[in-house]
Amino acid sequence: MTPPNTSPSAVVFDLDGVLLNTTENMRHAFGSVWAAAGRAEPPPFTTFLEHMGAPLHVILEKFGLGADYAPVYAAASTARLDLVHPYPGIVEVLSALRAAGVPTGVATGKSRQRAVEALRSGGLYELLDVVVGSDQVRLPKPDAEILRTALSLLPGAPVPAERAVFIGDSVLDLRCGHAARVPTIAACWGQSTRETLLAERPGSLAEGPLDLLAALVPAADRQVSVG
């Protein structure tokens, strides 16, 4: 990644696969839905992950599962929040942004309640200024609405789109950023392959969370230890 000359005025993150490793939690929750639906074959979890970024009911519909199964998924997910963990380096990144005075937010396909629940469990909620879930907007990703909503709620808003950064790990995330005309960074530690992310022409790629420090917080502004 090539560090910019100045830090952005705001940073918005996707949640799953960027801030929090929720893979095993999602595997458990999707398996619970699959069993509740009486499906005999193994749950196609890899295919499930390909739809990350969309609201839960939209993803379930792709498997012929109605919205009635969304509460089953949510309950199973909440029951195993012990499976949710921040990616190594994420606490350092968020702490550095806070110390540098850069507002931060989340724009996620999760409902806001479930997003806050996961962020609290992972110890990240207090390091963020705004959390926007897909239930707070009319149009989900890849539409720009959720990202624009997050930017409008951040301290110091309105934040010019070109002075913000959106960090995501899915095709929907990157298309959302492009639609909002917000510079994007593709997170290569999440659910999508590097090749898939590159095909969406992100502004840059970060191989790991700590790579974000050089891109988002100039060395002179860093006030936290990352060792």
Protein backbone atom coordinates (compact mmCIF):
# COMPACT_ATOMS: atom_id res chain seq x y z
CA MET A 1 0.00 0.00 0.00
CA THR A 2 1.14 3.55 -0.72
CA PRO A 3 0.55 5.81 2.30
CA PRO A 4 -1.28 9.05 1.49
CA ASN A 5 0.26 12.43 2.25
CA THR A 6 -2.39 13.17 4.86
CA SER A 7 -4.74 11.04 6.91
CA PRO A 8 -8.40 10.78 5.85
CA SER A 9 -11.06 12.87 7.54
CA ALA A 10 -13.10 9.76 8.37
CA VAL A 11 -12.84 5.98 8.07
CA VAL A 12 -15.78 3.59 7.73
CA PHE A 13 -15.33 -0.17 8.05
CA ASP A 14 -17.36 -3.19 7.12
CA LEU A 15 -17.72 -5.47 10.15
CA ASP A 16 -17.57 -9.20 9.32
CA GLY A 17 -14.22 -10.15 7.85
CA VAL A 18 -12.70 -6.71 8.46
CA LEU A 19 -12.99 -5.77 12.13
CA LEU A 20 -14.22 -9.04 13.57
CA ASN A 21 -13.50 -12.64 12.69
CA THR A 22 -17.04 -14.00 12.81
CA THR A 23 -16.51 -17.00 10.53
CA GLU A 24 -17.05 -19.73 13.14
CA ASN A 25 -19.96 -17.84 14.67
CA MET A 26 -21.61 -17.63 11.24
CA ARG A 27 -20.86 -21.28 10.54
CA HIS A 28 -22.63 -22.23 13.76
CA ALA A 29 -25.61 -19.95 13.10
CA PHE A 30 -26.07 -21.02 9.47
CA GLY A 31 -25.81 -24.67 10.52
CA SER A 32 -28.56 -24.07 13.07
CA VAL A 33 -30.81 -22.59 10.38
CA TRP A 34 -30.04 -25.46 8.02
CA ALA A 35 -30.98 -27.99 10.69
CA ALA A 36 -34.14 -26.09 11.64
CA ALA A 37 -35.19 -26.14 7.98
CA GLY A 38 -34.80 -29.93 7.94
CA ARG A 39 -32.17 -29.91 5.20
CA ALA A 40 -30.43 -33.29 5.08
CA GLU A 41 -27.34 -32.31 3.10
CA PRO A 42 -24.40 -30.49 4.72
CA PRO A 43 -24.96 -26.73 4.91
CA PRO A 44 -23.25 -24.96 1.96
CA PHE A 45 -21.34 -22.54 4.16
CA THR A 46 -18.76 -21.60 1.53
CA THR A 47 -21.58 -20.43 -0.74
CA PHE A 48 -23.14 -18.59 2.19
CA LEU A 49 -19.92 -16.60 2.64
CA GLU A 50 -19.99 -15.51 -1.00
CA HIS A 51 -23.01 -13.34 -0.20
CA MET A 52 -21.44 -11.45 2.69
CA GLY A 53 -22.39 -7.79 2.84
CA ALA A 54 -26.05 -8.37 2.03
CA PRO A 55 -28.76 -8.32 4.74
CA LEU A 56 -29.37 -11.69 6.38
CA HIS A 57 -32.87 -12.21 5.01
CA VAL A 58 -31.59 -11.58 1.48
CA ILE A 59 -28.86 -14.19 1.91
CA LEU A 60 -31.26 -16.76 3.35
CA GLU A 61 -33.64 -16.26 0.44
CA LYS A 62 -30.87 -17.34 -1.93
CA PHE A 63 -31.04 -20.77 -0.27
CA GLY A 64 -34.81 -21.00 -0.44
CA LEU A 65 -35.13 -20.08 3.23
CA GLY A 66 -37.77 -17.55 4.23
CA ALA A 67 -37.32 -14.53 6.48
CA ASP A 68 -38.85 -16.61 9.31
CA TYR A 69 -35.47 -18.28 9.69
CA ALA A 70 -33.67 -15.00 10.37
CA PRO A 71 -34.57 -15.10 14.10
CA VAL A 72 -33.20 -18.65 14.28
CA TYR A 73 -29.91 -17.45 12.84
CA ALA A 74 -29.81 -14.40 15.13
CA ALA A 75 -30.48 -16.46 18.27
CA ALA A 76 -27.82 -19.03 17.38
CA SER A 77 -25.34 -16.26 16.62
CA THR A 78 -26.02 -14.49 19.92
CA ALA A 79 -25.65 -17.76 21.84
CA ARG A 80 -22.09 -18.21 20.53
CA LEU A 81 -20.59 -14.74 20.71
CA ASP A 82 -17.61 -16.44 22.32
CA LEU A 83 -16.67 -17.39 18.74
CA VAL A 84 -16.32 -13.73 17.72
CA HIS A 85 -12.86 -12.14 17.93
CA PRO A 86 -11.17 -8.99 16.63
CA TYR A 87 -8.54 -9.64 13.99
CA PRO A 88 -5.00 -9.19 15.34
CA GLY A 89 -4.01 -5.56 14.93
CA ILE A 90 -7.54 -4.13 14.68
CA VAL A 91 -7.54 -2.74 18.23
CA GLU A 92 -4.25 -0.99 17.46
CA VAL A 93 -5.63 0.48 14.23
CA LEU A 94 -8.82 1.80 15.84
CA SER A 95 -6.87 3.15 18.82
CA ALA A 96 -4.44 4.96 16.52
CA LEU A 97 -7.28 6.52 14.54
CA ARG A 98 -8.96 7.67 17.75
CA ALA A 99 -5.71 9.12 19.08
CA ALA A 100 -5.20 10.96 15.78
CA GLY A 101 -8.71 12.43 15.98
CA VAL A 102 -10.06 10.55 12.93
CA PRO A 103 -13.77 9.65 13.28
CA THR A 104 -14.61 6.01 12.62
CA GLY A 105 -17.77 4.14 11.80
CA VAL A 106 -19.19 0.80 10.68
CA ALA A 107 -21.52 0.12 7.74
CA THR A 108 -22.62 -3.50 7.86
CA GLY A 109 -25.11 -5.92 6.37
CA LYS A 110 -25.98 -6.98 9.92
CA SER A 111 -28.84 -5.32 11.74
CA ARG A 112 -27.59 -2.56 14.03
CA GLN A 113 -28.55 -4.50 17.15
CA ARG A 114 -26.60 -7.57 16.11
CA ALA A 115 -23.65 -5.46 14.99
CA VAL A 116 -23.45 -3.65 18.32
CA GLU A 117 -23.80 -6.97 20.12
CA ALA A 118 -20.85 -8.43 18.21
CA LEU A 119 -18.71 -5.30 18.58
CA ARG A 120 -19.32 -5.17 22.33
CA SER A 121 -18.43 -8.84 22.65
CA GLY A 122 -15.24 -8.25 20.66
CA GLY A 123 -14.29 -5.20 22.73
CA LEU A 124 -14.43 -2.77 19.79
CA TYR A 125 -17.66 -0.85 20.30
CA GLU A 126 -16.16 1.90 22.46
CA LEU A 127 -13.47 2.55 19.83
CA LEU A 128 -16.03 3.49 17.16
CA ASP A 129 -18.16 6.60 16.73
CA VAL A 130 -21.04 5.27 14.63
CA VAL A 131 -22.56 1.88 13.77
CA VAL A 132 -25.06 1.67 10.90
CA GLY A 133 -26.84 -1.60 10.10
CA SER A 134 -28.74 -2.64 7.00
CA ASP A 135 -32.03 -2.28 8.89
CA GLN A 136 -31.44 1.49 9.09
CA VAL A 137 -31.48 2.09 5.34
CA ARG A 138 -33.87 1.46 2.49
CA LEU A 139 -31.32 0.02 0.09
CA PRO A 140 -28.52 -2.34 1.21
CA LYS A 141 -25.04 -2.65 -0.26
CA PRO A 142 -23.94 -2.28 -3.03
CA ASP A 143 -26.13 0.85 -2.97
CA ALA A 144 -24.31 3.88 -1.53
CA GLU A 145 -27.02 4.71 1.03
CA ILE A 146 -25.55 2.87 4.02
CA LEU A 147 -22.10 4.38 3.55
CA ARG A 148 -23.46 7.87 3.03
CA THR A 149 -25.61 7.44 6.13
CA ALA A 150 -22.59 6.45 8.23
CA LEU A 151 -20.62 9.45 6.98
CA SER A 152 -23.52 11.78 7.74
CA LEU A 153 -23.64 10.62 11.38
CA LEU A 154 -19.93 10.89 12.18
CA PRO A 155 -18.55 13.67 14.37
CA GLY A 156 -17.66 16.64 12.18
CA ALA A 157 -20.17 15.68 9.48
CA PRO A 158 -20.66 16.31 6.68
CA VAL A 159 -17.50 14.54 5.58
CA PRO A 160 -16.66 15.02 1.88
CA ALA A 161 -16.72 11.65 0.12
CA GLU A 162 -13.24 12.14 -1.32
CA ARG A 163 -11.80 12.74 2.18
CA ALA A 164 -13.21 9.51 3.62
CA VAL A 165 -12.11 5.88 3.25
CA PHE A 166 -14.25 2.74 3.21
CA ILE A 167 -12.62 -0.58 4.08
CA GLY A 168 -14.33 -3.81 3.07
CA ASP A 169 -13.65 -7.44 2.26
CA SER A 170 -16.43 -8.19 -0.22
CA VAL A 171 -17.55 -7.33 -3.72
CA LEU A 172 -20.61 -5.59 -2.29
CA ASP A 173 -18.44 -3.45 0.01
CA LEU A 174 -16.22 -2.23 -2.80
CA ARG A 175 -19.13 -1.54 -5.12
CA CYS A 176 -20.81 0.39 -2.31
CA GLY A 177 -17.69 2.52 -1.89
CA HIS A 178 -17.50 3.17 -5.62
CA ALA A 179 -21.19 4.11 -5.72
CA ALA A 180 -20.66 6.63 -2.91
CA ARG A 181 -17.49 7.93 -4.61
CA VAL A 182 -15.55 7.13 -1.45
CA PRO A 183 -11.96 5.81 -1.81
CA THR A 184 -11.81 2.12 -0.95
CA ILE A 185 -9.31 -0.24 0.65
CA ALA A 186 -9.81 -3.98 0.13
CA ALA A 187 -9.16 -6.08 3.23
CA CYS A 188 -7.42 -9.26 2.10
CA TRP A 189 -7.79 -11.05 5.46
CA GLY A 190 -11.56 -11.40 5.15
CA GLN A 191 -13.97 -13.65 3.28
CA SER A 192 -13.00 -12.91 -0.35
CA THR A 193 -9.94 -13.91 -2.34
CA ARG A 194 -7.36 -11.33 -3.36
CA GLU A 195 -8.21 -11.93 -7.02
CA THR A 196 -11.93 -11.31 -6.40
CA LEU A 197 -11.16 -8.05 -4.65
CA LEU A 198 -8.70 -6.89 -7.30
CA ALA A 199 -11.35 -7.41 -9.98
CA GLU A 200 -13.43 -4.69 -8.29
CA ARG A 201 -10.60 -2.17 -8.72
CA PRO A 202 -10.24 -0.98 -5.11
CA GLY A 203 -8.19 2.13 -4.40
CA SER A 204 -5.64 -0.09 -2.66
CA LEU A 205 -5.29 -3.42 -0.89
CA ALA A 206 -4.23 -4.17 2.67
CA GLU A 207 -2.78 -7.63 3.26
CA GLY A 208 -3.29 -7.42 7.03
CA PRO A 209 -4.90 -5.04 9.56
CA LEU A 210 -1.64 -3.40 10.59
CA ASP A 211 -1.03 -2.42 6.96
CA LEU A 212 -3.87 0.04 7.49
CA LEU A 213 -1.80 2.12 9.88
CA ALA A 214 0.52 3.45 7.18
CA ALA A 215 -2.46 4.15 4.90
CA LEU A 216 -4.68 5.84 7.48
CA VAL A 217 -2.48 7.37 10.17
CA PRO A 218 0.76 9.16 9.27
CA ALA A 219 3.63 8.14 11.53
CA ALA A 220 3.78 11.60 13.10
CA ASP A 221 0.17 11.24 14.29
CA ARG A 222 0.48 7.78 15.85
CA GLN A 223 0.24 7.84 19.62
CA VAL A 224 -0.23 4.16 20.39
CA SER A 225 2.16 1.25 20.49
CA VAL A 226 1.63 -1.41 17.85
CA GLY A 227 4.36 -3.72 19.02
